C-alpha cells in the first residue's frame, strides 16, 4: 500500500475534494484519514504546512525518491544516524 499526504476540502454535503495531481488519481476505493483541528488549535495549522514548498516541488521530490528506490539506490535506515553527534 502506498501513502500520499495531501490536503482536501469538505463541502456542505460532507463530500471530500482531495487535492491530487492528475497522474496520482487512482480509480478505485482508497483509505482516507481526516485530521480536523481541535478546539483551541489555530485554524491555519494545515495552511502553514502548505506554505513550506510548492506542490510541484514536493511531487517532483517524491517521483525522484520513488525512482531511486526502484533502481535500488537506497541505504539502510541505521546508516542515517552515522556521523550525527548525540548529546
C-alpha atoms as a PDB file:
ATOM      1  CA  UNK A   1       0.000   0.000   0.000  1.00  0.00           C
ATOM      2  CA  UNK A   2       1.315   3.456  -0.900  1.00  0.00           C
ATOM      3  CA  UNK A   3       0.669   6.523   1.263  1.00  0.00           C
ATOM      4  CA  UNK A   4       0.276  10.058  -0.078  1.00  0.00           C
ATOM      5  CA  UNK A   5      -0.207  13.077   2.157  1.00  0.00           C
ATOM      6  CA  UNK A   6      -2.221  15.910   0.655  1.00  0.00           C
ATOM      7  CA  UNK A   7      -4.978  18.317   1.589  1.00  0.00           C
ATOM      8  CA  UNK A   8      -8.692  18.308   0.909  1.00  0.00           C
ATOM      9  CA  UNK A   9     -11.829  20.339   1.408  1.00  0.00           C
ATOM     10  CA  UNK A  10     -15.087  19.091   2.907  1.00  0.00           C
ATOM     11  CA  UNK A  11     -18.165  20.650   1.281  1.00  0.00           C
ATOM     12  CA  UNK A  12     -21.588  21.315   2.822  1.00  0.00           C
ATOM     13  CA  UNK A  13     -22.750  17.819   1.817  1.00  0.00           C
ATOM     14  CA  UNK A  14     -19.838  16.188   3.640  1.00  0.00           C
ATOM     15  CA  UNK A  15     -18.043  15.245   0.423  1.00  0.00           C
ATOM     16  CA  UNK A  16     -14.266  15.332   0.340  1.00  0.00           C
ATOM     17  CA  UNK A  17     -12.491  17.059  -2.573  1.00  0.00           C
ATOM     18  CA  UNK A  18      -8.892  15.816  -2.432  1.00  0.00           C
ATOM     19  CA  UNK A  19      -6.080  17.907  -3.927  1.00  0.00           C
ATOM     20  CA  UNK A  20      -4.111  15.466  -6.098  1.00  0.00           C
ATOM     21  CA  UNK A  21      -2.298  15.967  -9.389  1.00  0.00           C
ATOM     22  CA  UNK A  22      -3.870  14.044 -12.321  1.00  0.00           C
ATOM     23  CA  UNK A  23      -1.046  11.489 -12.543  1.00  0.00           C
ATOM     24  CA  UNK A  24      -1.784  10.306  -8.983  1.00  0.00           C
ATOM     25  CA  UNK A  25      -5.531   9.720  -9.483  1.00  0.00           C
ATOM     26  CA  UNK A  26      -6.427   6.112  -8.689  1.00  0.00           C
ATOM     27  CA  UNK A  27      -9.786   4.888  -9.952  1.00  0.00           C
ATOM     28  CA  UNK A  28     -10.587   2.603  -7.052  1.00  0.00           C
ATOM     29  CA  UNK A  29     -11.550   2.819  -3.402  1.00  0.00           C
ATOM     30  CA  UNK A  30      -8.892   4.256  -1.096  1.00  0.00           C
ATOM     31  CA  UNK A  31      -8.479   4.598   2.662  1.00  0.00           C
ATOM     32  CA  UNK A  32      -8.690   8.143   3.992  1.00  0.00           C
ATOM     33  CA  UNK A  33      -7.626   9.608   7.337  1.00  0.00           C
ATOM     34  CA  UNK A  34      -9.147  13.025   8.061  1.00  0.00           C
ATOM     35  CA  UNK A  35      -7.332  15.311  10.522  1.00  0.00           C
ATOM     36  CA  UNK A  36      -9.536  18.118  11.832  1.00  0.00           C
ATOM     37  CA  UNK A  37      -8.067  20.831  14.078  1.00  0.00           C
ATOM     38  CA  UNK A  38      -9.440  20.609  17.605  1.00  0.00           C
ATOM     39  CA  UNK A  39     -10.902  23.486  19.533  1.00  0.00           C
ATOM     40  CA  UNK A  40      -8.141  25.877  20.540  1.00  0.00           C
ATOM     41  CA  UNK A  41      -5.797  24.864  17.743  1.00  0.00           C
ATOM     42  CA  UNK A  42      -5.081  27.571  15.192  1.00  0.00           C
ATOM     43  CA  UNK A  43      -7.264  27.289  12.075  1.00  0.00           C
ATOM     44  CA  UNK A  44      -4.192  27.810   9.933  1.00  0.00           C
ATOM     45  CA  UNK A  45      -2.437  24.604  11.074  1.00  0.00           C
ATOM     46  CA  UNK A  46      -2.966  22.925   7.693  1.00  0.00           C
ATOM     47  CA  UNK A  47      -2.282  26.130   5.748  1.00  0.00           C
ATOM     48  CA  UNK A  48       1.128  26.523   7.391  1.00  0.00           C
ATOM     49  CA  UNK A  49       2.169  23.105   6.076  1.00  0.00           C
ATOM     50  CA  UNK A  50       1.152  24.098   2.560  1.00  0.00           C
ATOM     51  CA  UNK A  51       3.298  27.228   2.591  1.00  0.00           C
ATOM     52  CA  UNK A  52       6.528  25.264   3.058  1.00  0.00           C
ATOM     53  CA  UNK A  53       7.033  24.048  -0.524  1.00  0.00           C
ATOM     54  CA  UNK A  54       5.011  24.292  -3.734  1.00  0.00           C
ATOM     55  CA  UNK A  55       3.144  21.065  -4.562  1.00  0.00           C
ATOM     56  CA  UNK A  56       5.078  20.733  -7.839  1.00  0.00           C
ATOM     57  CA  UNK A  57       8.374  20.677  -5.936  1.00  0.00           C
ATOM     58  CA  UNK A  58       7.040  18.135  -3.448  1.00  0.00           C
ATOM     59  CA  UNK A  59       5.684  15.878  -6.209  1.00  0.00           C
ATOM     60  CA  UNK A  60       8.979  16.010  -8.136  1.00  0.00           C
ATOM     61  CA  UNK A  61      10.866  15.062  -4.973  1.00  0.00           C
ATOM     62  CA  UNK A  62       8.513  12.113  -4.399  1.00  0.00           C
ATOM     63  CA  UNK A  63       8.964  10.965  -8.022  1.00  0.00           C
ATOM     64  CA  UNK A  64      12.766  11.164  -7.729  1.00  0.00           C
ATOM     65  CA  UNK A  65      12.756   9.231  -4.460  1.00  0.00           C
ATOM     66  CA  UNK A  66      10.474   6.577  -5.926  1.00  0.00           C
ATOM     67  CA  UNK A  67      12.746   6.159  -8.964  1.00  0.00           C
ATOM     68  CA  UNK A  68      15.797   5.841  -6.702  1.00  0.00           C
ATOM     69  CA  UNK A  69      14.026   3.167  -4.658  1.00  0.00           C
ATOM     70  CA  UNK A  70      13.038   1.248  -7.814  1.00  0.00           C
ATOM     71  CA  UNK A  71      16.663   1.359  -9.012  1.00  0.00           C
ATOM     72  CA  UNK A  72      17.921   0.063  -5.669  1.00  0.00           C
ATOM     73  CA  UNK A  73      19.601   3.336  -4.728  1.00  0.00           C
ATOM     74  CA  UNK A  74      18.713   3.006  -1.050  1.00  0.00           C
ATOM     75  CA  UNK A  75      20.585   2.956   2.260  1.00  0.00           C
ATOM     76  CA  UNK A  76      19.717   1.075   5.442  1.00  0.00           C
ATOM     77  CA  UNK A  77      17.908   3.348   7.870  1.00  0.00           C
ATOM     78  CA  UNK A  78      20.532   2.602  10.535  1.00  0.00           C
ATOM     79  CA  UNK A  79      23.098   4.443   8.380  1.00  0.00           C
ATOM     80  CA  UNK A  80      21.079   7.655   8.549  1.00  0.00           C
ATOM     81  CA  UNK A  81      22.372   8.229  12.088  1.00  0.00           C
ATOM     82  CA  UNK A  82      26.044   7.740  11.162  1.00  0.00           C
ATOM     83  CA  UNK A  83      28.016  10.935  11.622  1.00  0.00           C
ATOM     84  CA  UNK A  84      25.392  12.701  13.719  1.00  0.00           C
ATOM     85  CA  UNK A  85      26.529  13.920  17.120  1.00  0.00           C
ATOM     86  CA  UNK A  86      24.415  12.696  20.017  1.00  0.00           C
ATOM     87  CA  UNK A  87      24.188  14.972  23.017  1.00  0.00           C
END
